[in-house]
Amino acid sequence: MGLPRGVGVGGFVDTPGGGFFPPPLTTVRQDFAALGRNSIGVLLDQIEDGASRPPPRIVVPASLIVRSSTAAAGGTAATDPSG
């Protein structure tokens, strides 16, 4: 069974080397700085308010980086030239 025809593999942390492994790994790229800022803000609000209200729902944008470890419908590898 080979990649991507037999099985597709993807990750959720866009590690620097992910695009260089054979085959390059499809991944989700996240803004960890924004995630950290938002998390600290929610934590400080919870401390200040005594956790009297539920934390807000915060959405941090993410990007799907499609590389050769996954295939499009029909088994043809999808690639991201920038990625």
PDB file of N, CA and C in Angstrom:
ATOM      1  N   MET A   1       0.853  -1.165   0.000  1.00  0.00           N
ATOM      2  CA  MET A   1       0.000   0.000   0.000  1.00  0.00           C
ATOM      3  C   MET A   1       0.899   1.228   0.000  1.00  0.00           C
ATOM      4  N   GLY A   2       0.696   2.113  -0.933  1.00  0.00           N
ATOM      5  CA  GLY A   2       1.546   3.301  -1.028  1.00  0.00           C
ATOM      6  C   GLY A   2       0.779   4.585  -0.787  1.00  0.00           C
ATOM      7  N   LEU A   3       1.546   5.636  -0.540  1.00  0.00           N
ATOM      8  CA  LEU A   3       0.965   6.967  -0.387  1.00  0.00           C
ATOM      9  C   LEU A   3       1.009   7.656  -1.740  1.00  0.00           C
ATOM     10  N   PRO A   4       0.060   8.388  -2.164  1.00  0.00           N
ATOM     11  CA  PRO A   4      -1.232   8.617  -1.544  1.00  0.00           C
ATOM     12  C   PRO A   4      -2.325   7.702  -2.071  1.00  0.00           C
ATOM     13  N   ARG A   5      -2.003   6.749  -2.965  1.00  0.00           N
ATOM     14  CA  ARG A   5      -3.074   5.939  -3.570  1.00  0.00           C
ATOM     15  C   ARG A   5      -3.749   5.001  -2.589  1.00  0.00           C
ATOM     16  N   GLY A   6      -2.972   4.313  -1.728  1.00  0.00           N
ATOM     17  CA  GLY A   6      -3.554   3.354  -0.807  1.00  0.00           C
ATOM     18  C   GLY A   6      -4.122   3.998   0.436  1.00  0.00           C
ATOM     19  N   VAL A   7      -3.442   5.001   0.933  1.00  0.00           N
ATOM     20  CA  VAL A   7      -3.858   5.680   2.147  1.00  0.00           C
ATOM     21  C   VAL A   7      -3.279   7.093   2.118  1.00  0.00           C
ATOM     22  N   GLY A   8      -4.008   8.046   2.650  1.00  0.00           N
ATOM     23  CA  GLY A   8      -3.518   9.426   2.728  1.00  0.00           C
ATOM     24  C   GLY A   8      -3.101   9.740   4.155  1.00  0.00           C
ATOM     25  N   VAL A   9      -2.093  10.560   4.304  1.00  0.00           N
ATOM     26  CA  VAL A   9      -1.600  10.943   5.621  1.00  0.00           C
ATOM     27  C   VAL A   9      -1.549  12.462   5.706  1.00  0.00           C
ATOM     28  N   GLY A  10      -2.033  12.992   6.815  1.00  0.00           N
ATOM     29  CA  GLY A  10      -1.992  14.428   7.030  1.00  0.00           C
ATOM     30  C   GLY A  10      -1.643  14.730   8.468  1.00  0.00           C
ATOM     31  N   GLY A  11      -1.152  15.919   8.705  1.00  0.00           N
ATOM     32  CA  GLY A  11      -0.798  16.347  10.042  1.00  0.00           C
ATOM     33  C   GLY A  11      -1.540  17.610  10.421  1.00  0.00           C
ATOM     34  N   PHE A  12      -1.371  18.025  11.658  1.00  0.00           N
ATOM     35  CA  PHE A  12      -2.065  19.219  12.124  1.00  0.00           C
ATOM     36  C   PHE A  12      -1.110  20.308  12.576  1.00  0.00           C
ATOM     37  N   VAL A  13       0.171  20.045  12.535  1.00  0.00           N
ATOM     38  CA  VAL A  13       1.177  21.042  12.889  1.00  0.00           C
ATOM     39  C   VAL A  13       2.131  21.111  11.709  1.00  0.00           C
ATOM     40  N   ASP A  14       2.213  22.246  11.055  1.00  0.00           N
ATOM     41  CA  ASP A  14       3.065  22.394   9.876  1.00  0.00           C
ATOM     42  C   ASP A  14       4.518  22.528  10.308  1.00  0.00           C
ATOM     43  N   THR A  15       5.157  21.382  10.586  1.00  0.00           N
ATOM     44  CA  THR A  15       6.557  21.398  11.001  1.00  0.00           C
ATOM     45  C   THR A  15       7.433  21.841   9.838  1.00  0.00           C
ATOM     46  N   PRO A  16       8.555  22.493  10.121  1.00  0.00           N
ATOM     47  CA  PRO A  16       9.412  22.989   9.050  1.00  0.00           C
ATOM     48  C   PRO A  16       9.843  21.912   8.056  1.00  0.00           C
ATOM     49  N   GLY A  17      10.062  20.699   8.508  1.00  0.00           N
ATOM     50  CA  GLY A  17      10.522  19.647   7.605  1.00  0.00           C
ATOM     51  C   GLY A  17       9.431  18.884   6.899  1.00  0.00           C
ATOM     52  N   GLY A  18       8.169  19.147   7.230  1.00  0.00           N
ATOM     53  CA  GLY A  18       7.062  18.384   6.678  1.00  0.00           C
ATOM     54  C   GLY A  18       6.980  18.380   5.165  1.00  0.00           C
ATOM     55  N   GLY A  19       7.412  19.450   4.539  1.00  0.00           N
ATOM     56  CA  GLY A  19       7.378  19.525   3.081  1.00  0.00           C
ATOM     57  C   GLY A  19       8.527  18.816   2.404  1.00  0.00           C
ATOM     58  N   PHE A  20       9.484  18.306   3.188  1.00  0.00           N
ATOM     59  CA  PHE A  20      10.676  17.692   2.613  1.00  0.00           C
ATOM     60  C   PHE A  20      10.719  16.182   2.751  1.00  0.00           C
ATOM     61  N   PHE A  21       9.823  15.586   3.587  1.00  0.00           N
ATOM     62  CA  PHE A  21       9.810  14.139   3.741  1.00  0.00           C
ATOM     63  C   PHE A  21       9.203  13.502   2.505  1.00  0.00           C
ATOM     64  N   PRO A  22       9.664  12.298   2.153  1.00  0.00           N
ATOM     65  CA  PRO A  22       9.039  11.620   1.009  1.00  0.00           C
ATOM     66  C   PRO A  22       7.860  10.768   1.467  1.00  0.00           C
ATOM     67  N   PRO A  23       6.645  10.986   1.074  1.00  0.00           N
ATOM     68  CA  PRO A  23       6.198  12.143   0.308  1.00  0.00           C
ATOM     69  C   PRO A  23       5.980  13.339   1.239  1.00  0.00           C
ATOM     70  N   PRO A  24       6.020  14.548   0.690  1.00  0.00           N
ATOM     71  CA  PRO A  24       5.744  15.745   1.501  1.00  0.00           C
ATOM     72  C   PRO A  24       4.371  15.643   2.171  1.00  0.00           C
ATOM     73  N   LEU A  25       4.304  15.996   3.446  1.00  0.00           N
ATOM     74  CA  LEU A  25       3.121  15.779   4.280  1.00  0.00           C
ATOM     75  C   LEU A  25       2.088  16.901   4.149  1.00  0.00           C
ATOM     76  N   THR A  26       0.849  16.512   3.827  1.00  0.00           N
ATOM     77  CA  THR A  26      -0.274  17.446   3.855  1.00  0.00           C
ATOM     78  C   THR A  26      -0.518  17.831   5.313  1.00  0.00           C
ATOM     79  N   THR A  27      -0.797  19.101   5.562  1.00  0.00           N
ATOM     80  CA  THR A  27      -0.905  19.555   6.947  1.00  0.00           C
ATOM     81  C   THR A  27      -1.849  20.733   7.088  1.00  0.00           C
ATOM     82  N   VAL A  28      -2.169  21.066   8.313  1.00  0.00           N
ATOM     83  CA  VAL A  28      -2.931  22.262   8.628  1.00  0.00           C
ATOM     84  C   VAL A  28      -1.971  23.245   9.277  1.00  0.00           C
ATOM     85  N   ARG A  29      -1.860  24.424   8.699  1.00  0.00           N
ATOM     86  CA  ARG A  29      -0.974  25.471   9.229  1.00  0.00           C
ATOM     87  C   ARG A  29      -1.793  26.380  10.130  1.00  0.00           C
ATOM     88  N   GLN A  30      -1.281  26.608  11.352  1.00  0.00           N
ATOM     89  CA  GLN A  30      -1.979  27.438  12.336  1.00  0.00           C
ATOM     90  C   GLN A  30      -1.103  28.613  12.744  1.00  0.00           C
ATOM     91  N   ASP A  31      -1.718  29.686  13.173  1.00  0.00           N
ATOM     92  CA  ASP A  31      -0.992  30.845  13.689  1.00  0.00           C
ATOM     93  C   ASP A  31      -0.841  30.657  15.200  1.00  0.00           C
ATOM     94  N   PHE A  32       0.271  30.034  15.602  1.00  0.00           N
ATOM     95  CA  PHE A  32       0.465  29.717  17.012  1.00  0.00           C
ATOM     96  C   PHE A  32       0.638  30.967  17.871  1.00  0.00           C
ATOM     97  N   ALA A  33       1.166  32.040  17.311  1.00  0.00           N
ATOM     98  CA  ALA A  33       1.299  33.292  18.071  1.00  0.00           C
ATOM     99  C   ALA A  33      -0.092  33.833  18.422  1.00  0.00           C
ATOM    100  N   ALA A  34      -1.007  33.831  17.453  1.00  0.00           N
ATOM    101  CA  ALA A  34      -2.376  34.293  17.711  1.00  0.00           C
ATOM    102  C   ALA A  34      -3.077  33.364  18.689  1.00  0.00           C
ATOM    103  N   LEU A  35      -2.853  32.073  18.556  1.00  0.00           N
ATOM    104  CA  LEU A  35      -3.447  31.107  19.470  1.00  0.00           C
ATOM    105  C   LEU A  35      -2.977  31.365  20.899  1.00  0.00           C
ATOM    106  N   GLY A  36      -1.678  31.618  21.060  1.00  0.00           N
ATOM    107  CA  GLY A  36      -1.122  31.916  22.385  1.00  0.00           C
ATOM    108  C   GLY A  36      -1.655  33.217  22.962  1.00  0.00           C
ATOM    109  N   ARG A  37      -1.699  34.271  22.124  1.00  0.00           N
ATOM    110  CA  ARG A  37      -2.232  35.566  22.597  1.00  0.00           C
ATOM    111  C   ARG A  37      -3.677  35.433  23.063  1.00  0.00           C
ATOM    112  N   ASN A  38      -4.488  34.751  22.263  1.00  0.00           N
ATOM    113  CA  ASN A  38      -5.891  34.566  22.625  1.00  0.00           C
ATOM    114  C   ASN A  38      -6.039  33.736  23.891  1.00  0.00           C
ATOM    115  N   SER A  39      -5.246  32.711  24.026  1.00  0.00           N
ATOM    116  CA  SER A  39      -5.312  31.847  25.211  1.00  0.00           C
ATOM    117  C   SER A  39      -4.951  32.610  26.476  1.00  0.00           C
ATOM    118  N   ILE A  40      -3.886  33.400  26.402  1.00  0.00           N
ATOM    119  CA  ILE A  40      -3.467  34.196  27.565  1.00  0.00           C
ATOM    120  C   ILE A  40      -4.543  35.227  27.911  1.00  0.00           C
ATOM    121  N   GLY A  41      -5.130  35.850  26.895  1.00  0.00           N
ATOM    122  CA  GLY A  41      -6.194  36.830  27.131  1.00  0.00           C
ATOM    123  C   GLY A  41      -7.384  36.212  27.844  1.00  0.00           C
ATOM    124  N   VAL A  42      -7.792  35.018  27.393  1.00  0.00           N
ATOM    125  CA  VAL A  42      -8.920  34.324  28.029  1.00  0.00           C
ATOM    126  C   VAL A  42      -8.556  33.938  29.462  1.00  0.00           C
ATOM    127  N   LEU A  43      -7.343  33.445  29.663  1.00  0.00           N
ATOM    128  CA  LEU A  43      -6.895  33.067  30.999  1.00  0.00           C
ATOM    129  C   LEU A  43      -6.910  34.263  31.947  1.00  0.00           C
ATOM    130  N   LEU A  44      -6.366  35.382  31.492  1.00  0.00           N
ATOM    131  CA  LEU A  44      -6.342  36.587  32.339  1.00  0.00           C
ATOM    132  C   LEU A  44      -7.760  37.079  32.649  1.00  0.00           C
ATOM    133  N   ASP A  45      -8.651  37.018  31.671  1.00  0.00           N
ATOM    134  CA  ASP A  45     -10.045  37.399  31.908  1.00  0.00           C
ATOM    135  C   ASP A  45     -10.698  36.478  32.937  1.00  0.00           C
ATOM    136  N   GLN A  46     -10.421  35.196  32.837  1.00  0.00           N
ATOM    137  CA  GLN A  46     -10.987  34.226  33.783  1.00  0.00           C
ATOM    138  C   GLN A  46     -10.460  34.482  35.197  1.00  0.00           C
ATOM    139  N   ILE A  47      -9.180  34.798  35.309  1.00  0.00           N
ATOM    140  CA  ILE A  47      -8.599  35.097  36.622  1.00  0.00           C
ATOM    141  C   ILE A  47      -9.211  36.368  37.192  1.00  0.00           C
ATOM    142  N   GLU A  48      -9.313  37.395  36.354  1.00  0.00           N
ATOM    143  CA  GLU A  48      -9.848  38.686  36.797  1.00  0.00           C
ATOM    144  C   GLU A  48     -11.320  38.594  37.200  1.00  0.00           C
ATOM    145  N   ASP A  49     -12.114  37.841  36.428  1.00  0.00           N
ATOM    146  CA  ASP A  49     -13.550  37.725  36.685  1.00  0.00           C
ATOM    147  C   ASP A  49     -13.885  36.588  37.644  1.00  0.00           C
ATOM    148  N   GLY A  50     -12.892  35.849  38.086  1.00  0.00           N
ATOM    149  CA  GLY A  50     -13.164  34.716  38.966  1.00  0.00           C
ATOM    150  C   GLY A  50     -13.885  33.584  38.257  1.00  0.00           C
ATOM    151  N   ALA A  51     -13.678  33.471  36.951  1.00  0.00           N
ATOM    152  CA  ALA A  51     -14.303  32.413  36.145  1.00  0.00           C
ATOM    153  C   ALA A  51     -15.820  32.401  36.319  1.00  0.00           C
ATOM    154  N   SER A  52     -16.415  33.595  36.430  1.00  0.00           N
ATOM    155  CA  SER A  52     -17.853  33.701  36.660  1.00  0.00           C
ATOM    156  C   SER A  52     -18.687  33.495  35.394  1.00  0.00           C
ATOM    157  N   ARG A  53     -18.055  33.544  34.243  1.00  0.00           N
ATOM    158  CA  ARG A  53     -18.784  33.331  32.991  1.00  0.00           C
ATOM    159  C   ARG A  53     -17.989  32.362  32.112  1.00  0.00           C
ATOM    160  N   PRO A  54     -18.664  31.696  31.204  1.00  0.00           N
ATOM    161  CA  PRO A  54     -17.942  30.758  30.333  1.00  0.00           C
ATOM    162  C   PRO A  54     -16.982  31.517  29.412  1.00  0.00           C
ATOM    163  N   PRO A  55     -15.875  30.902  29.047  1.00  0.00           N
ATOM    164  CA  PRO A  55     -14.935  31.571  28.152  1.00  0.00           C
ATOM    165  C   PRO A  55     -15.555  31.778  26.768  1.00  0.00           C
ATOM    166  N   PRO A  56     -15.128  32.814  26.068  1.00  0.00           N
ATOM    167  CA  PRO A  56     -15.679  33.065  24.730  1.00  0.00           C
ATOM    168  C   PRO A  56     -15.167  32.031  23.733  1.00  0.00           C
ATOM    169  N   ARG A  57     -15.896  31.881  22.660  1.00  0.00           N
ATOM    170  CA  ARG A  57     -15.447  31.022  21.557  1.00  0.00           C
ATOM    171  C   ARG A  57     -14.594  31.890  20.645  1.00  0.00           C
ATOM    172  N   ILE A  58     -13.352  31.505  20.472  1.00  0.00           N
ATOM    173  CA  ILE A  58     -12.423  32.261  19.641  1.00  0.00           C
ATOM    174  C   ILE A  58     -11.971  31.363  18.501  1.00  0.00           C
ATOM    175  N   VAL A  59     -12.066  31.861  17.289  1.00  0.00           N
ATOM    176  CA  VAL A  59     -11.638  31.108  16.114  1.00  0.00           C
ATOM    177  C   VAL A  59     -10.353  31.733  15.586  1.00  0.00           C
ATOM    178  N   VAL A  60      -9.317  30.919  15.508  1.00  0.00           N
ATOM    179  CA  VAL A  60      -8.042  31.357  14.941  1.00  0.00           C
ATOM    180  C   VAL A  60      -7.945  30.725  13.552  1.00  0.00           C
ATOM    181  N   PRO A  61      -7.772  31.529  12.516  1.00  0.00           N
ATOM    182  CA  PRO A  61      -7.730  30.980  11.156  1.00  0.00           C
ATOM    183  C   PRO A  61      -6.613  29.954  10.983  1.00  0.00           C
ATOM    184  N   ALA A  62      -6.880  28.988  10.127  1.00  0.00           N
ATOM    185  CA  ALA A  62      -5.903  27.962   9.782  1.00  0.00           C
ATOM    186  C   ALA A  62      -5.960  27.749   8.273  1.00  0.00           C
ATOM    187  N   SER A  63      -4.889  27.197   7.723  1.00  0.00           N
ATOM    188  CA  SER A  63      -4.819  26.940   6.282  1.00  0.00           C
ATOM    189  C   SER A  63      -4.488  25.480   6.033  1.00  0.00           C
ATOM    190  N   LEU A  64      -5.159  24.877   5.068  1.00  0.00           N
ATOM    191  CA  LEU A  64      -4.834  23.522   4.654  1.00  0.00           C
ATOM    192  C   LEU A  64      -3.746  23.598   3.594  1.00  0.00           C
ATOM    193  N   ILE A  65      -2.618  22.955   3.861  1.00  0.00           N
ATOM    194  CA  ILE A  65      -1.505  22.903   2.918  1.00  0.00           C
ATOM    195  C   ILE A  65      -1.495  21.498   2.326  1.00  0.00           C
ATOM    196  N   VAL A  66      -1.960  21.368   1.093  1.00  0.00           N
ATOM    197  CA  VAL A  66      -2.067  20.061   0.448  1.00  0.00           C
ATOM    198  C   VAL A  66      -0.746  19.742  -0.246  1.00  0.00           C
ATOM    199  N   ARG A  67      -0.178  18.602   0.160  1.00  0.00           N
ATOM    200  CA  ARG A  67       1.075  18.131  -0.446  1.00  0.00           C
ATOM    201  C   ARG A  67       0.856  16.701  -0.942  1.00  0.00           C
ATOM    202  N   SER A  68       1.899  16.016  -1.288  1.00  0.00           N
ATOM    203  CA  SER A  68       1.804  14.711  -1.963  1.00  0.00           C
ATOM    204  C   SER A  68       1.367  13.541  -1.093  1.00  0.00           C
ATOM    205  N   SER A  69       1.204  13.721   0.221  1.00  0.00           N
ATOM    206  CA  SER A  69       0.809  12.595   1.066  1.00  0.00           C
ATOM    207  C   SER A  69      -0.686  12.315   1.014  1.00  0.00           C
ATOM    208  N   THR A  70      -1.433  13.138   0.299  1.00  0.00           N
ATOM    209  CA  THR A  70      -2.856  12.905   0.091  1.00  0.00           C
ATOM    210  C   THR A  70      -3.142  13.004  -1.399  1.00  0.00           C
ATOM    211  N   ALA A  71      -4.232  12.393  -1.822  1.00  0.00           N
ATOM    212  CA  ALA A  71      -4.584  12.390  -3.241  1.00  0.00           C
ATOM    213  C   ALA A  71      -5.970  12.986  -3.434  1.00  0.00           C
ATOM    214  N   ALA A  72      -6.162  13.573  -4.584  1.00  0.00           N
ATOM    215  CA  ALA A  72      -7.494  14.043  -4.968  1.00  0.00           C
ATOM    216  C   ALA A  72      -8.349  12.833  -5.319  1.00  0.00           C
ATOM    217  N   ALA A  73      -9.655  13.033  -5.451  1.00  0.00           N
ATOM    218  CA  ALA A  73     -10.537  11.935  -5.845  1.00  0.00           C
ATOM    219  C   ALA A  73     -10.017  11.308  -7.119  1.00  0.00           C
ATOM    220  N   GLY A  74      -9.955  10.001  -7.156  1.00  0.00           N
ATOM    221  CA  GLY A  74      -9.453   9.295  -8.328  1.00  0.00           C
ATOM    222  C   GLY A  74      -8.014   8.851  -8.162  1.00  0.00           C
ATOM    223  N   GLY A  75      -7.360   9.227  -7.071  1.00  0.00           N
ATOM    224  CA  GLY A  75      -6.032   8.735  -6.772  1.00  0.00           C
ATOM    225  C   GLY A  75      -4.877   9.534  -7.319  1.00  0.00           C
ATOM    226  N   THR A  76      -5.125  10.704  -7.879  1.00  0.00           N
ATOM    227  CA  THR A  76      -4.038  11.531  -8.381  1.00  0.00           C
ATOM    228  C   THR A  76      -3.515  12.424  -7.272  1.00  0.00           C
ATOM    229  N   ALA A  77      -2.226  12.419  -7.051  1.00  0.00           N
ATOM    230  CA  ALA A  77      -1.651  13.214  -5.972  1.00  0.00           C
ATOM    231  C   ALA A  77      -1.900  14.684  -6.213  1.00  0.00           C
ATOM    232  N   ALA A  78      -2.314  15.382  -5.160  1.00  0.00           N
ATOM    233  CA  ALA A  78      -2.513  16.819  -5.220  1.00  0.00           C
ATOM    234  C   ALA A  78      -1.297  17.479  -4.613  1.00  0.00           C
ATOM    235  N   THR A  79      -0.782  18.502  -5.240  1.00  0.00           N
ATOM    236  CA  THR A  79       0.420  19.157  -4.707  1.00  0.00           C
ATOM    237  C   THR A  79       0.208  20.642  -4.600  1.00  0.00           C
ATOM    238  N   ASP A  80       0.942  21.223  -3.671  1.00  0.00           N
ATOM    239  CA  ASP A  80       0.942  22.673  -3.468  1.00  0.00           C
ATOM    240  C   ASP A  80       2.328  23.163  -3.854  1.00  0.00           C
ATOM    241  N   PRO A  81       2.473  23.882  -4.969  1.00  0.00           N
ATOM    242  CA  PRO A  81       3.785  24.317  -5.398  1.00  0.00           C
ATOM    243  C   PRO A  81       4.482  25.237  -4.415  1.00  0.00           C
ATOM    244  N   SER A  82       3.725  25.909  -3.527  1.00  0.00           N
ATOM    245  CA  SER A  82       4.352  26.814  -2.572  1.00  0.00           C
ATOM    246  C   SER A  82       4.776  26.092  -1.309  1.00  0.00           C
ATOM    247  N   GLY A  83       4.331  24.850  -1.141  1.00  0.00           N
ATOM    248  CA  GLY A  83       4.441  24.276   0.053  1.00  0.00           C
ATOM    249  C   GLY A  83       5.193  23.403   0.761  1.00  0.00           C
TER     250      GLY A  83
END
